[in-house]
């Protein structure tokens, strides 16, 4: 959610970024910038990558009001 919010703030109102492209940038950010930190040695410093599944048939642009 943090990465999604960050990418939305960076690209908000930019007509070049449709929603799928935005989510792709979020995947990249999460994959390379985040690691788990849960306090259990076996589970600390692990990577995660979001999975995007969608059924969009048109481009979706988020524009300011």
PDB file of N, CA and C in Angstrom:
ATOM      1  N   UNK A   1       0.822  -1.186   0.000  1.00  0.00           N
ATOM      2  CA  UNK A   1       0.000   0.000   0.000  1.00  0.00           C
ATOM      3  C   UNK A   1       0.869   1.254   0.000  1.00  0.00           C
ATOM      4  N   UNK A   2       1.980   1.208   0.729  1.00  0.00           N
ATOM      5  CA  UNK A   2       2.867   2.370   0.766  1.00  0.00           C
ATOM      6  C   UNK A   2       3.421   2.670  -0.627  1.00  0.00           C
ATOM      7  N   UNK A   3       3.855   1.622  -1.316  1.00  0.00           N
ATOM      8  CA  UNK A   3       4.426   1.804  -2.658  1.00  0.00           C
ATOM      9  C   UNK A   3       3.359   2.285  -3.636  1.00  0.00           C
ATOM     10  N   UNK A   4       2.139   1.773  -3.531  1.00  0.00           N
ATOM     11  CA  UNK A   4       1.052   2.218  -4.397  1.00  0.00           C
ATOM     12  C   UNK A   4       0.774   3.705  -4.162  1.00  0.00           C
ATOM     13  N   UNK A   5       0.686   4.101  -2.910  1.00  0.00           N
ATOM     14  CA  UNK A   5       0.451   5.505  -2.591  1.00  0.00           C
ATOM     15  C   UNK A   5       1.580   6.378  -3.134  1.00  0.00           C
ATOM     16  N   UNK A   6       2.814   5.943  -2.939  1.00  0.00           N
ATOM     17  CA  UNK A   6       3.965   6.710  -3.417  1.00  0.00           C
ATOM     18  C   UNK A   6       3.915   6.873  -4.934  1.00  0.00           C
ATOM     19  N   UNK A   7       3.643   5.801  -5.664  1.00  0.00           N
ATOM     20  CA  UNK A   7       3.598   5.877  -7.124  1.00  0.00           C
ATOM     21  C   UNK A   7       2.428   6.734  -7.603  1.00  0.00           C
ATOM     22  N   UNK A   8       1.307   6.652  -6.906  1.00  0.00           N
ATOM     23  CA  UNK A   8       0.166   7.481  -7.285  1.00  0.00           C
ATOM     24  C   UNK A   8       0.481   8.962  -7.090  1.00  0.00           C
ATOM     25  N   UNK A   9       1.168   9.302  -6.015  1.00  0.00           N
ATOM     26  CA  UNK A   9       1.513  10.699  -5.773  1.00  0.00           C
ATOM     27  C   UNK A   9       2.525  11.193  -6.804  1.00  0.00           C
ATOM     28  N   UNK A  10       3.447  10.328  -7.212  1.00  0.00           N
ATOM     29  CA  UNK A  10       4.471  10.720  -8.190  1.00  0.00           C
ATOM     30  C   UNK A  10       3.893  10.897  -9.593  1.00  0.00           C
ATOM     31  N   UNK A  11       2.886  10.113  -9.928  1.00  0.00           N
ATOM     32  CA  UNK A  11       2.375  10.127 -11.303  1.00  0.00           C
ATOM     33  C   UNK A  11       0.973  10.714 -11.406  1.00  0.00           C
ATOM     34  N   UNK A  12       0.425  11.240 -10.316  1.00  0.00           N
ATOM     35  CA  UNK A  12      -0.952  11.702 -10.307  1.00  0.00           C
ATOM     36  C   UNK A  12      -1.176  12.797 -11.347  1.00  0.00           C
ATOM     37  N   UNK A  13      -2.142  12.583 -12.194  1.00  0.00           N
ATOM     38  CA  UNK A  13      -2.482  13.562 -13.211  1.00  0.00           C
ATOM     39  C   UNK A  13      -1.661  13.437 -14.477  1.00  0.00           C
ATOM     40  N   UNK A  14      -0.687  12.539 -14.491  1.00  0.00           N
ATOM     41  CA  UNK A  14       0.141  12.344 -15.678  1.00  0.00           C
ATOM     42  C   UNK A  14      -0.618  11.444 -16.644  1.00  0.00           C
ATOM     43  N   UNK A  15      -1.048  11.976 -17.752  1.00  0.00           N
ATOM     44  CA  UNK A  15      -1.875  11.237 -18.707  1.00  0.00           C
ATOM     45  C   UNK A  15      -1.137  10.040 -19.302  1.00  0.00           C
ATOM     46  N   UNK A  16       0.180  10.022 -19.177  1.00  0.00           N
ATOM     47  CA  UNK A  16       0.966   8.944 -19.770  1.00  0.00           C
ATOM     48  C   UNK A  16       0.849   7.639 -18.990  1.00  0.00           C
ATOM     49  N   UNK A  17       0.434   7.698 -17.723  1.00  0.00           N
ATOM     50  CA  UNK A  17       0.403   6.516 -16.887  1.00  0.00           C
ATOM     51  C   UNK A  17      -1.007   5.982 -16.720  1.00  0.00           C
ATOM     52  N   UNK A  18      -1.280   4.863 -17.356  1.00  0.00           N
ATOM     53  CA  UNK A  18      -2.539   4.179 -17.103  1.00  0.00           C
ATOM     54  C   UNK A  18      -2.363   3.323 -15.855  1.00  0.00           C
ATOM     55  N   UNK A  19      -3.426   2.755 -15.361  1.00  0.00           N
ATOM     56  CA  UNK A  19      -3.424   2.034 -14.094  1.00  0.00           C
ATOM     57  C   UNK A  19      -2.513   0.807 -14.120  1.00  0.00           C
ATOM     58  N   UNK A  20      -2.488   0.072 -15.231  1.00  0.00           N
ATOM     59  CA  UNK A  20      -1.639  -1.124 -15.323  1.00  0.00           C
ATOM     60  C   UNK A  20      -0.164  -0.722 -15.269  1.00  0.00           C
ATOM     61  N   UNK A  21       0.200   0.348 -15.941  1.00  0.00           N
ATOM     62  CA  UNK A  21       1.584   0.827 -15.887  1.00  0.00           C
ATOM     63  C   UNK A  21       1.932   1.269 -14.469  1.00  0.00           C
ATOM     64  N   UNK A  22       1.009   1.897 -13.791  1.00  0.00           N
ATOM     65  CA  UNK A  22       1.219   2.301 -12.408  1.00  0.00           C
ATOM     66  C   UNK A  22       1.479   1.081 -11.523  1.00  0.00           C
ATOM     67  N   UNK A  23       0.671   0.034 -11.677  1.00  0.00           N
ATOM     68  CA  UNK A  23       0.858  -1.179 -10.877  1.00  0.00           C
ATOM     69  C   UNK A  23       2.172  -1.882 -11.203  1.00  0.00           C
ATOM     70  N   UNK A  24       2.616  -1.795 -12.441  1.00  0.00           N
ATOM     71  CA  UNK A  24       3.898  -2.373 -12.822  1.00  0.00           C
ATOM     72  C   UNK A  24       5.035  -1.655 -12.096  1.00  0.00           C
ATOM     73  N   UNK A  25       4.953  -0.346 -11.991  1.00  0.00           N
ATOM     74  CA  UNK A  25       5.962   0.419 -11.251  1.00  0.00           C
ATOM     75  C   UNK A  25       5.916   0.083  -9.761  1.00  0.00           C
ATOM     76  N   UNK A  26       4.721  -0.160  -9.240  1.00  0.00           N
ATOM     77  CA  UNK A  26       4.590  -0.570  -7.835  1.00  0.00           C
ATOM     78  C   UNK A  26       5.269  -1.922  -7.634  1.00  0.00           C
ATOM     79  N   UNK A  27       5.074  -2.868  -8.554  1.00  0.00           N
ATOM     80  CA  UNK A  27       5.744  -4.172  -8.462  1.00  0.00           C
ATOM     81  C   UNK A  27       7.252  -3.996  -8.381  1.00  0.00           C
ATOM     82  N   UNK A  28       7.786  -3.161  -9.241  1.00  0.00           N
ATOM     83  CA  UNK A  28       9.233  -2.928  -9.258  1.00  0.00           C
ATOM     84  C   UNK A  28       9.702  -2.346  -7.932  1.00  0.00           C
ATOM     85  N   UNK A  29       8.990  -1.367  -7.431  1.00  0.00           N
ATOM     86  CA  UNK A  29       9.368  -0.722  -6.171  1.00  0.00           C
ATOM     87  C   UNK A  29       9.348  -1.721  -5.017  1.00  0.00           C
ATOM     88  N   UNK A  30       8.299  -2.518  -4.921  1.00  0.00           N
ATOM     89  CA  UNK A  30       8.185  -3.491  -3.827  1.00  0.00           C
ATOM     90  C   UNK A  30       9.268  -4.564  -3.958  1.00  0.00           C
ATOM     91  N   UNK A  31       9.526  -5.026  -5.173  1.00  0.00           N
ATOM     92  CA  UNK A  31      10.497  -6.099  -5.376  1.00  0.00           C
ATOM     93  C   UNK A  31      11.919  -5.676  -5.019  1.00  0.00           C
ATOM     94  N   UNK A  32      12.264  -4.435  -5.284  1.00  0.00           N
ATOM     95  CA  UNK A  32      13.645  -4.014  -5.089  1.00  0.00           C
ATOM     96  C   UNK A  32      13.882  -3.172  -3.843  1.00  0.00           C
ATOM     97  N   UNK A  33      12.865  -2.588  -3.264  1.00  0.00           N
ATOM     98  CA  UNK A  33      13.082  -1.671  -2.151  1.00  0.00           C
ATOM     99  C   UNK A  33      12.621  -2.192  -0.791  1.00  0.00           C
ATOM    100  N   UNK A  34      11.830  -3.252  -0.770  1.00  0.00           N
ATOM    101  CA  UNK A  34      11.263  -3.711   0.497  1.00  0.00           C
ATOM    102  C   UNK A  34      11.736  -5.117   0.845  1.00  0.00           C
ATOM    103  N   UNK A  35      11.924  -5.342   2.158  1.00  0.00           N
ATOM    104  CA  UNK A  35      12.209  -6.663   2.711  1.00  0.00           C
ATOM    105  C   UNK A  35      11.334  -6.851   3.940  1.00  0.00           C
ATOM    106  N   UNK A  36      11.066  -8.110   4.270  1.00  0.00           N
ATOM    107  CA  UNK A  36      10.268  -8.370   5.466  1.00  0.00           C
ATOM    108  C   UNK A  36      11.090  -8.050   6.716  1.00  0.00           C
ATOM    109  N   UNK A  37      10.391  -7.654   7.763  1.00  0.00           N
ATOM    110  CA  UNK A  37      11.015  -7.337   9.037  1.00  0.00           C
ATOM    111  C   UNK A  37      10.025  -7.727  10.124  1.00  0.00           C
ATOM    112  N   UNK A  38       9.992  -9.023  10.447  1.00  0.00           N
ATOM    113  CA  UNK A  38       8.985  -9.527  11.381  1.00  0.00           C
ATOM    114  C   UNK A  38       9.556  -9.957  12.726  1.00  0.00           C
ATOM    115  N   UNK A  39      10.884  -9.906  12.879  1.00  0.00           N
ATOM    116  CA  UNK A  39      11.484 -10.260  14.156  1.00  0.00           C
ATOM    117  C   UNK A  39      11.764 -11.734  14.347  1.00  0.00           C
ATOM    118  N   UNK A  40      11.545 -12.540  13.331  1.00  0.00           N
ATOM    119  CA  UNK A  40      11.849 -13.974  13.378  1.00  0.00           C
ATOM    120  C   UNK A  40      12.967 -14.213  12.367  1.00  0.00           C
ATOM    121  N   UNK A  41      14.103 -14.744  12.830  1.00  0.00           N
ATOM    122  CA  UNK A  41      15.283 -14.868  11.974  1.00  0.00           C
ATOM    123  C   UNK A  41      15.006 -15.564  10.649  1.00  0.00           C
ATOM    124  N   UNK A  42      14.220 -16.628  10.663  1.00  0.00           N
ATOM    125  CA  UNK A  42      13.940 -17.386   9.446  1.00  0.00           C
ATOM    126  C   UNK A  42      13.085 -16.610   8.443  1.00  0.00           C
ATOM    127  N   UNK A  43      12.379 -15.593   8.933  1.00  0.00           N
ATOM    128  CA  UNK A  43      11.461 -14.866   8.061  1.00  0.00           C
ATOM    129  C   UNK A  43      11.903 -13.425   7.789  1.00  0.00           C
ATOM    130  N   UNK A  44      12.967 -12.970   8.429  1.00  0.00           N
ATOM    131  CA  UNK A  44      13.459 -11.615   8.200  1.00  0.00           C
ATOM    132  C   UNK A  44      14.222 -11.509   6.889  1.00  0.00           C
ATOM    133  N   UNK A  45      14.239 -10.315   6.340  1.00  0.00           N
ATOM    134  CA  UNK A  45      14.993  -9.965   5.131  1.00  0.00           C
ATOM    135  C   UNK A  45      14.602 -10.808   3.924  1.00  0.00           C
ATOM    136  N   UNK A  46      13.331 -11.137   3.808  1.00  0.00           N
ATOM    137  CA  UNK A  46      12.809 -11.872   2.650  1.00  0.00           C
ATOM    138  C   UNK A  46      12.165 -10.883   1.691  1.00  0.00           C
ATOM    139  N   UNK A  47      12.130 -11.245   0.432  1.00  0.00           N
ATOM    140  CA  UNK A  47      11.545 -10.399  -0.601  1.00  0.00           C
ATOM    141  C   UNK A  47      10.114 -10.840  -0.896  1.00  0.00           C
ATOM    142  N   UNK A  48       9.338  -9.918  -1.434  1.00  0.00           N
ATOM    143  CA  UNK A  48       7.988 -10.240  -1.875  1.00  0.00           C
ATOM    144  C   UNK A  48       7.691  -9.443  -3.138  1.00  0.00           C
ATOM    145  N   UNK A  49       6.844  -9.991  -3.975  1.00  0.00           N
ATOM    146  CA  UNK A  49       6.445  -9.318  -5.204  1.00  0.00           C
ATOM    147  C   UNK A  49       4.928  -9.427  -5.320  1.00  0.00           C
ATOM    148  N   UNK A  50       4.240  -8.302  -5.477  1.00  0.00           N
ATOM    149  CA  UNK A  50       2.792  -8.351  -5.667  1.00  0.00           C
ATOM    150  C   UNK A  50       2.439  -9.071  -6.965  1.00  0.00           C
ATOM    151  N   UNK A  51       1.247  -9.590  -7.006  1.00  0.00           N
ATOM    152  CA  UNK A  51       0.743 -10.247  -8.207  1.00  0.00           C
ATOM    153  C   UNK A  51      -0.418  -9.425  -8.745  1.00  0.00           C
ATOM    154  N   UNK A  52      -0.327  -9.081 -10.024  1.00  0.00           N
ATOM    155  CA  UNK A  52      -1.386  -8.287 -10.643  1.00  0.00           C
ATOM    156  C   UNK A  52      -2.256  -9.207 -11.492  1.00  0.00           C
ATOM    157  N   UNK A  53      -3.529  -9.243 -11.165  1.00  0.00           N
ATOM    158  CA  UNK A  53      -4.500 -10.002 -11.959  1.00  0.00           C
ATOM    159  C   UNK A  53      -5.647  -9.039 -12.249  1.00  0.00           C
ATOM    160  N   UNK A  54      -5.961  -8.847 -13.513  1.00  0.00           N
ATOM    161  CA  UNK A  54      -7.011  -7.908 -13.848  1.00  0.00           C
ATOM    162  C   UNK A  54      -7.763  -8.382 -15.084  1.00  0.00           C
ATOM    163  N   UNK A  55      -8.949  -7.825 -15.247  1.00  0.00           N
ATOM    164  CA  UNK A  55      -9.782  -8.135 -16.416  1.00  0.00           C
ATOM    165  C   UNK A  55     -10.184  -6.862 -17.143  1.00  0.00           C
ATOM    166  N   UNK A  56      -9.336  -5.840 -17.040  1.00  0.00           N
ATOM    167  CA  UNK A  56      -9.634  -4.583 -17.727  1.00  0.00           C
ATOM    168  C   UNK A  56      -9.632  -4.798 -19.237  1.00  0.00           C
ATOM    169  N   UNK A  57     -10.519  -4.124 -19.923  1.00  0.00           N
ATOM    170  CA  UNK A  57     -10.550  -4.205 -21.378  1.00  0.00           C
ATOM    171  C   UNK A  57     -10.243  -2.865 -22.031  1.00  0.00           C
ATOM    172  N   UNK A  58     -10.053  -1.841 -21.184  1.00  0.00           N
ATOM    173  CA  UNK A  58      -9.689  -0.515 -21.672  1.00  0.00           C
ATOM    174  C   UNK A  58      -8.678   0.078 -20.707  1.00  0.00           C
ATOM    175  N   UNK A  59      -7.977   1.119 -21.163  1.00  0.00           N
ATOM    176  CA  UNK A  59      -7.045   1.814 -20.287  1.00  0.00           C
ATOM    177  C   UNK A  59      -7.813   2.547 -19.202  1.00  0.00           C
ATOM    178  N   UNK A  60      -7.260   2.551 -18.002  1.00  0.00           N
ATOM    179  CA  UNK A  60      -7.856   3.248 -16.872  1.00  0.00           C
ATOM    180  C   UNK A  60      -6.879   4.315 -16.415  1.00  0.00           C
ATOM    181  N   UNK A  61      -7.298   5.575 -16.473  1.00  0.00           N
ATOM    182  CA  UNK A  61      -6.470   6.690 -16.032  1.00  0.00           C
ATOM    183  C   UNK A  61      -7.113   7.315 -14.806  1.00  0.00           C
ATOM    184  N   UNK A  62      -6.308   7.606 -13.800  1.00  0.00           N
ATOM    185  CA  UNK A  62      -6.789   8.276 -12.606  1.00  0.00           C
ATOM    186  C   UNK A  62      -6.429   9.741 -12.741  1.00  0.00           C
ATOM    187  N   UNK A  63      -7.415  10.605 -12.765  1.00  0.00           N
ATOM    188  CA  UNK A  63      -7.169  12.032 -12.930  1.00  0.00           C
ATOM    189  C   UNK A  63      -7.711  12.802 -11.744  1.00  0.00           C
ATOM    190  N   UNK A  64      -7.084  13.914 -11.406  1.00  0.00           N
ATOM    191  CA  UNK A  64      -7.582  14.709 -10.280  1.00  0.00           C
ATOM    192  C   UNK A  64      -8.921  15.355 -10.607  1.00  0.00           C
ATOM    193  N   UNK A  65      -9.716  15.628  -9.578  1.00  0.00           N
ATOM    194  CA  UNK A  65     -11.032  16.265  -9.763  1.00  0.00           C
ATOM    195  C   UNK A  65     -10.884  17.707 -10.135  1.00  0.00           C
TER     196      UNK A  65
END
